[in-house]
Every structure is written in C-alpha cells, then in structure tokens.
Amino acid sequence: KWRIVVPGNGRQWKDWKRISVVYSGNRIQSTKYTWLTFLPKNLFEQLHRLGNLYFFFLAVLNWFPRVEVFYREITVLPLVVVLLTSMLKDALEDYRKYQFDKAINLSKTRVYDK
C-alpha cells in the first residue's frame, strides 16, 4: 500500500474522510512482532528453514520406540538450542526496531502550510 498524504487545507475533505479510514495515523511501525504474536510467528518462521525442519522431524521420529536411535532428550537438544538462540536474536532485533520507531514517533516535526 502507498501512503497518501493529504494537506489539511479544507479543499480535500471528502478525500481525507475516505483515506483516513485506511490510514488512521501517521505513526511509523517497523516491528514484526507483538507480545502475543512473538512465539507463534517466530516458530512458524524458524520451522520454514530446512535445517530446523530436519531436526524437528528427527526429534518427532525419535519419540516412537521402534524407530528410536538416540535418547529422546538428546535429539531435541540441538533443535531447542538453535530455536532459542534465533528467538533471542529476533527478539533483540525487534526490540531495537521498537525503540527506534518510538524515538522517531515522539520526535518533533515541523509542518509547512500556506
């Protein structure tokens, strides 16, 4: 979607009403996650990587007694370490984006109008 900027000089009042429904604010948000969506979205992204999916498949396969090769906990350990490391990295990156967005959204702006 394109961001549309409408000057507040009164001439485009009809257009402003139509556009303001779609774009309710002028706030910048570049973060990917919220508190509620972090775990499901991040797990979804992590399990789309082929290596993580392979280790997940091995961990699930190892829980069946006939197919078990290693101890169950040992098979899950590499996957958990990689997922937690990636989650921590993504959380820190998203938090830095949040701080930057907050600084920009709270900065003063100068509006020029005829």
N, C-alpha and C. Protein backbone atom coordinates (compact mmCIF):
# COMPACT_ATOMS: atom_id res chain seq x y z
N LYS A 1 0.83 -1.18 0.00
CA LYS A 1 0.00 0.00 0.00
C LYS A 1 0.88 1.25 0.00
N TRP A 2 0.39 2.24 -0.67
CA TRP A 2 1.08 3.52 -0.70
C TRP A 2 0.52 4.41 0.39
N ARG A 3 1.38 5.17 1.01
CA ARG A 3 0.93 6.15 2.00
C ARG A 3 0.55 7.41 1.27
N ILE A 4 -0.63 7.91 1.54
CA ILE A 4 -1.14 9.10 0.89
C ILE A 4 -1.19 10.23 1.91
N VAL A 5 -0.56 11.33 1.57
CA VAL A 5 -0.54 12.49 2.45
C VAL A 5 -1.49 13.53 1.88
N VAL A 6 -2.44 13.95 2.70
CA VAL A 6 -3.45 14.92 2.27
C VAL A 6 -3.25 16.19 3.09
N PRO A 7 -3.05 17.32 2.44
CA PRO A 7 -2.91 18.57 3.20
C PRO A 7 -4.22 18.92 3.88
N GLY A 8 -4.11 19.52 5.05
CA GLY A 8 -5.30 19.86 5.83
C GLY A 8 -5.79 21.26 5.55
N ASN A 9 -5.95 21.64 4.30
CA ASN A 9 -6.39 22.99 3.98
C ASN A 9 -7.89 23.07 3.70
N GLY A 10 -8.63 22.00 3.86
CA GLY A 10 -10.08 22.04 3.73
C GLY A 10 -10.61 21.71 2.35
N ARG A 11 -9.78 21.77 1.32
CA ARG A 11 -10.27 21.52 -0.03
C ARG A 11 -10.52 20.04 -0.30
N GLN A 12 -9.72 19.19 0.30
CA GLN A 12 -9.83 17.75 0.03
C GLN A 12 -10.53 17.03 1.18
N TRP A 13 -11.55 17.58 1.77
CA TRP A 13 -12.21 16.99 2.94
C TRP A 13 -12.83 15.64 2.61
N LYS A 14 -13.43 15.50 1.42
CA LYS A 14 -14.03 14.22 1.03
C LYS A 14 -12.96 13.15 0.89
N ASP A 15 -11.86 13.50 0.24
CA ASP A 15 -10.77 12.54 0.09
C ASP A 15 -10.17 12.17 1.44
N TRP A 16 -10.07 13.13 2.33
CA TRP A 16 -9.49 12.86 3.64
C TRP A 16 -10.34 11.86 4.42
N LYS A 17 -11.66 12.00 4.37
CA LYS A 17 -12.55 11.06 5.06
C LYS A 17 -12.37 9.65 4.51
N ARG A 18 -12.26 9.52 3.22
CA ARG A 18 -12.11 8.21 2.60
C ARG A 18 -10.75 7.60 2.94
N ILE A 19 -9.72 8.39 2.92
CA ILE A 19 -8.37 7.89 3.17
C ILE A 19 -8.12 7.65 4.65
N SER A 20 -8.71 8.45 5.52
CA SER A 20 -8.42 8.33 6.95
C SER A 20 -8.94 7.03 7.54
N VAL A 21 -9.85 6.35 6.86
CA VAL A 21 -10.32 5.05 7.34
C VAL A 21 -9.21 4.01 7.17
N VAL A 22 -8.49 4.08 6.06
CA VAL A 22 -7.42 3.12 5.78
C VAL A 22 -6.17 3.46 6.58
N TYR A 23 -5.79 4.73 6.60
CA TYR A 23 -4.59 5.17 7.31
C TYR A 23 -5.03 6.01 8.50
N SER A 24 -5.11 5.39 9.65
CA SER A 24 -5.66 6.11 10.80
C SER A 24 -4.63 7.01 11.47
N GLY A 25 -3.37 6.80 11.24
CA GLY A 25 -2.38 7.64 11.89
C GLY A 25 -1.15 7.81 11.04
N ASN A 26 -0.26 8.61 11.53
CA ASN A 26 0.97 8.88 10.82
C ASN A 26 2.15 8.26 11.55
N ARG A 27 1.88 7.21 12.29
CA ARG A 27 2.87 6.56 13.14
C ARG A 27 3.68 5.55 12.33
N ILE A 28 4.97 5.47 12.62
CA ILE A 28 5.85 4.51 11.96
C ILE A 28 5.94 3.27 12.82
N GLN A 29 5.77 2.11 12.19
CA GLN A 29 5.91 0.84 12.91
C GLN A 29 6.62 -0.15 12.01
N SER A 30 7.87 -0.47 12.33
CA SER A 30 8.63 -1.42 11.53
C SER A 30 8.87 -2.72 12.27
N THR A 31 8.26 -2.89 13.44
CA THR A 31 8.44 -4.12 14.19
C THR A 31 7.61 -5.24 13.56
N LYS A 32 8.08 -6.44 13.76
CA LYS A 32 7.44 -7.60 13.16
C LYS A 32 6.50 -8.30 14.14
N TYR A 33 6.80 -8.21 15.43
CA TYR A 33 6.07 -8.99 16.43
C TYR A 33 5.40 -8.10 17.47
N THR A 34 4.41 -8.67 18.15
CA THR A 34 3.84 -8.08 19.36
C THR A 34 4.06 -9.10 20.48
N TRP A 35 3.64 -8.75 21.70
CA TRP A 35 3.82 -9.68 22.81
C TRP A 35 3.05 -10.97 22.58
N LEU A 36 1.90 -10.88 21.98
CA LEU A 36 1.06 -12.06 21.78
C LEU A 36 1.48 -12.89 20.57
N THR A 37 2.03 -12.25 19.56
CA THR A 37 2.33 -12.99 18.32
C THR A 37 3.78 -13.41 18.20
N PHE A 38 4.61 -13.10 19.19
CA PHE A 38 6.03 -13.40 19.03
C PHE A 38 6.28 -14.89 18.91
N LEU A 39 5.80 -15.69 19.83
CA LEU A 39 6.09 -17.12 19.85
C LEU A 39 5.52 -17.84 18.62
N PRO A 40 4.24 -17.68 18.28
CA PRO A 40 3.75 -18.41 17.11
C PRO A 40 4.39 -17.96 15.79
N LYS A 41 4.54 -16.65 15.61
CA LYS A 41 5.14 -16.17 14.35
C LYS A 41 6.59 -16.61 14.23
N ASN A 42 7.33 -16.52 15.33
CA ASN A 42 8.74 -16.87 15.28
C ASN A 42 8.93 -18.36 15.05
N LEU A 43 8.15 -19.19 15.72
CA LEU A 43 8.23 -20.63 15.48
C LEU A 43 7.86 -20.97 14.04
N PHE A 44 6.86 -20.30 13.52
CA PHE A 44 6.46 -20.52 12.13
C PHE A 44 7.61 -20.18 11.18
N GLU A 45 8.27 -19.06 11.42
CA GLU A 45 9.40 -18.67 10.57
C GLU A 45 10.57 -19.62 10.73
N GLN A 46 10.86 -20.02 11.96
CA GLN A 46 12.00 -20.90 12.21
C GLN A 46 11.80 -22.27 11.58
N LEU A 47 10.59 -22.79 11.63
CA LEU A 47 10.35 -24.13 11.09
C LEU A 47 10.20 -24.13 9.57
N HIS A 48 10.26 -22.97 8.95
CA HIS A 48 10.31 -22.92 7.49
C HIS A 48 11.73 -23.10 6.97
N ARG A 49 12.70 -23.05 7.84
CA ARG A 49 14.09 -23.31 7.43
C ARG A 49 14.31 -24.81 7.38
N LEU A 50 14.97 -25.24 6.34
CA LEU A 50 15.11 -26.68 6.08
C LEU A 50 15.87 -27.40 7.19
N GLY A 51 16.93 -26.79 7.71
CA GLY A 51 17.72 -27.43 8.77
C GLY A 51 16.91 -27.61 10.05
N ASN A 52 16.15 -26.59 10.43
CA ASN A 52 15.32 -26.69 11.62
C ASN A 52 14.21 -27.71 11.44
N LEU A 53 13.64 -27.76 10.25
CA LEU A 53 12.59 -28.74 9.97
C LEU A 53 13.15 -30.17 10.02
N TYR A 54 14.37 -30.35 9.55
CA TYR A 54 15.02 -31.66 9.59
C TYR A 54 15.21 -32.12 11.04
N PHE A 55 15.74 -31.25 11.89
CA PHE A 55 15.95 -31.62 13.29
C PHE A 55 14.62 -31.84 14.01
N PHE A 56 13.59 -31.08 13.64
CA PHE A 56 12.26 -31.29 14.22
C PHE A 56 11.72 -32.66 13.81
N PHE A 57 11.90 -33.03 12.55
CA PHE A 57 11.46 -34.34 12.07
C PHE A 57 12.20 -35.46 12.82
N LEU A 58 13.51 -35.31 13.03
CA LEU A 58 14.26 -36.31 13.79
C LEU A 58 13.78 -36.42 15.23
N ALA A 59 13.47 -35.29 15.83
CA ALA A 59 13.01 -35.30 17.22
C ALA A 59 11.65 -36.00 17.32
N VAL A 60 10.75 -35.71 16.39
CA VAL A 60 9.44 -36.37 16.41
C VAL A 60 9.59 -37.86 16.13
N LEU A 61 10.42 -38.20 15.19
CA LEU A 61 10.63 -39.60 14.84
C LEU A 61 11.24 -40.38 15.99
N ASN A 62 12.07 -39.75 16.76
CA ASN A 62 12.76 -40.42 17.86
C ASN A 62 11.83 -40.69 19.06
N TRP A 63 10.65 -40.11 19.08
CA TRP A 63 9.71 -40.36 20.18
C TRP A 63 8.95 -41.67 19.98
N PHE A 64 9.06 -42.29 18.82
CA PHE A 64 8.45 -43.60 18.60
C PHE A 64 9.45 -44.68 19.02
N PRO A 65 9.07 -45.60 19.89
CA PRO A 65 10.02 -46.59 20.43
C PRO A 65 10.66 -47.49 19.38
N ARG A 66 9.96 -47.83 18.33
CA ARG A 66 10.53 -48.73 17.32
C ARG A 66 11.60 -48.06 16.46
N VAL A 67 11.51 -46.76 16.33
CA VAL A 67 12.44 -46.02 15.46
C VAL A 67 13.53 -45.32 16.27
N GLU A 68 13.42 -45.33 17.57
CA GLU A 68 14.33 -44.57 18.44
C GLU A 68 15.78 -45.02 18.23
N VAL A 69 16.64 -44.05 17.96
CA VAL A 69 18.05 -44.32 17.75
C VAL A 69 18.86 -43.77 18.92
N PHE A 70 18.59 -42.52 19.29
CA PHE A 70 19.27 -41.88 20.40
C PHE A 70 18.28 -41.72 21.55
N TYR A 71 18.78 -41.17 22.62
CA TYR A 71 17.86 -40.80 23.70
C TYR A 71 16.98 -39.66 23.20
N ARG A 72 15.75 -39.65 23.64
CA ARG A 72 14.79 -38.65 23.16
C ARG A 72 15.24 -37.23 23.46
N GLU A 73 15.75 -37.03 24.66
CA GLU A 73 16.14 -35.68 25.07
C GLU A 73 17.34 -35.17 24.29
N ILE A 74 18.24 -36.06 23.93
CA ILE A 74 19.44 -35.64 23.18
C ILE A 74 19.07 -35.19 21.77
N THR A 75 18.08 -35.80 21.18
CA THR A 75 17.68 -35.41 19.84
C THR A 75 17.01 -34.03 19.83
N VAL A 76 16.31 -33.70 20.89
CA VAL A 76 15.60 -32.43 20.96
C VAL A 76 16.56 -31.28 21.30
N LEU A 77 17.65 -31.58 21.96
CA LEU A 77 18.58 -30.55 22.45
C LEU A 77 19.13 -29.63 21.36
N PRO A 78 19.66 -30.14 20.23
CA PRO A 78 20.17 -29.21 19.20
C PRO A 78 19.08 -28.28 18.65
N LEU A 79 17.90 -28.85 18.46
CA LEU A 79 16.80 -28.04 17.94
C LEU A 79 16.42 -26.94 18.91
N VAL A 80 16.34 -27.26 20.19
CA VAL A 80 15.98 -26.27 21.20
C VAL A 80 17.04 -25.18 21.29
N VAL A 81 18.31 -25.56 21.25
CA VAL A 81 19.38 -24.56 21.33
C VAL A 81 19.32 -23.61 20.13
N VAL A 82 19.16 -24.15 18.94
CA VAL A 82 19.11 -23.31 17.74
C VAL A 82 17.88 -22.42 17.76
N LEU A 83 16.72 -22.97 18.13
CA LEU A 83 15.50 -22.16 18.15
C LEU A 83 15.56 -21.06 19.20
N LEU A 84 16.07 -21.38 20.39
CA LEU A 84 16.16 -20.35 21.44
C LEU A 84 17.15 -19.25 21.06
N THR A 85 18.26 -19.63 20.44
CA THR A 85 19.24 -18.63 20.01
C THR A 85 18.63 -17.70 18.95
N SER A 86 17.95 -18.30 17.99
CA SER A 86 17.31 -17.49 16.94
C SER A 86 16.20 -16.62 17.51
N MET A 87 15.44 -17.16 18.46
CA MET A 87 14.37 -16.36 19.08
C MET A 87 14.94 -15.18 19.84
N LEU A 88 16.02 -15.40 20.57
CA LEU A 88 16.65 -14.32 21.32
C LEU A 88 17.17 -13.24 20.38
N LYS A 89 17.80 -13.66 19.30
CA LYS A 89 18.31 -12.71 18.31
C LYS A 89 17.17 -11.91 17.69
N ASP A 90 16.09 -12.58 17.30
CA ASP A 90 14.95 -11.89 16.71
C ASP A 90 14.27 -10.96 17.70
N ALA A 91 14.19 -11.38 18.97
CA ALA A 91 13.57 -10.53 19.98
C ALA A 91 14.38 -9.26 20.21
N LEU A 92 15.70 -9.39 20.28
CA LEU A 92 16.55 -8.21 20.46
C LEU A 92 16.48 -7.28 19.25
N GLU A 93 16.49 -7.85 18.07
CA GLU A 93 16.40 -7.05 16.86
C GLU A 93 15.06 -6.30 16.79
N ASP A 94 13.98 -6.99 17.13
CA ASP A 94 12.67 -6.36 17.10
C ASP A 94 12.53 -5.30 18.18
N TYR A 95 13.15 -5.51 19.33
CA TYR A 95 13.11 -4.52 20.40
C TYR A 95 13.88 -3.26 20.00
N ARG A 96 15.00 -3.43 19.32
CA ARG A 96 15.75 -2.27 18.83
C ARG A 96 14.94 -1.49 17.79
N LYS A 97 14.23 -2.22 16.94
CA LYS A 97 13.35 -1.54 15.98
C LYS A 97 12.25 -0.77 16.70
N TYR A 98 11.70 -1.37 17.75
CA TYR A 98 10.66 -0.71 18.54
C TYR A 98 11.19 0.58 19.17
N GLN A 99 12.40 0.52 19.73
CA GLN A 99 12.97 1.72 20.35
C GLN A 99 13.21 2.80 19.30
N PHE A 100 13.71 2.42 18.14
CA PHE A 100 13.95 3.39 17.08
C PHE A 100 12.64 4.00 16.58
N ASP A 101 11.62 3.17 16.40
CA ASP A 101 10.31 3.67 15.98
C ASP A 101 9.73 4.62 17.01
N LYS A 102 9.90 4.28 18.28
CA LYS A 102 9.38 5.13 19.35
C LYS A 102 10.08 6.49 19.35
N ALA A 103 11.40 6.49 19.13
CA ALA A 103 12.15 7.74 19.09
C ALA A 103 11.70 8.60 17.90
N ILE A 104 11.46 7.99 16.77
CA ILE A 104 11.03 8.75 15.59
C ILE A 104 9.60 9.25 15.78
N ASN A 105 8.73 8.41 16.33
CA ASN A 105 7.33 8.82 16.51
C ASN A 105 7.17 9.92 17.55
N LEU A 106 8.08 10.02 18.50
CA LEU A 106 8.00 11.06 19.52
C LEU A 106 8.81 12.31 19.17
N SER A 107 9.51 12.29 18.04
CA SER A 107 10.30 13.45 17.67
C SER A 107 9.39 14.58 17.18
N LYS A 108 9.90 15.78 17.31
CA LYS A 108 9.13 16.94 16.88
C LYS A 108 9.21 17.07 15.37
N THR A 109 8.13 17.52 14.80
CA THR A 109 8.09 17.74 13.36
C THR A 109 7.65 19.17 13.07
N ARG A 110 8.00 19.63 11.93
CA ARG A 110 7.61 20.98 11.51
C ARG A 110 6.73 20.83 10.27
N VAL A 111 5.55 21.41 10.35
CA VAL A 111 4.60 21.33 9.26
C VAL A 111 4.52 22.68 8.58
N TYR A 112 4.70 22.67 7.27
CA TYR A 112 4.60 23.89 6.49
C TYR A 112 3.26 23.91 5.80
N ASP A 113 2.55 25.01 5.94
CA ASP A 113 1.25 25.14 5.30
C ASP A 113 1.10 26.59 4.84
N LYS A 114 0.46 26.76 3.74
CA LYS A 114 0.24 28.12 3.25
C LYS A 114 -0.71 28.76 4.18
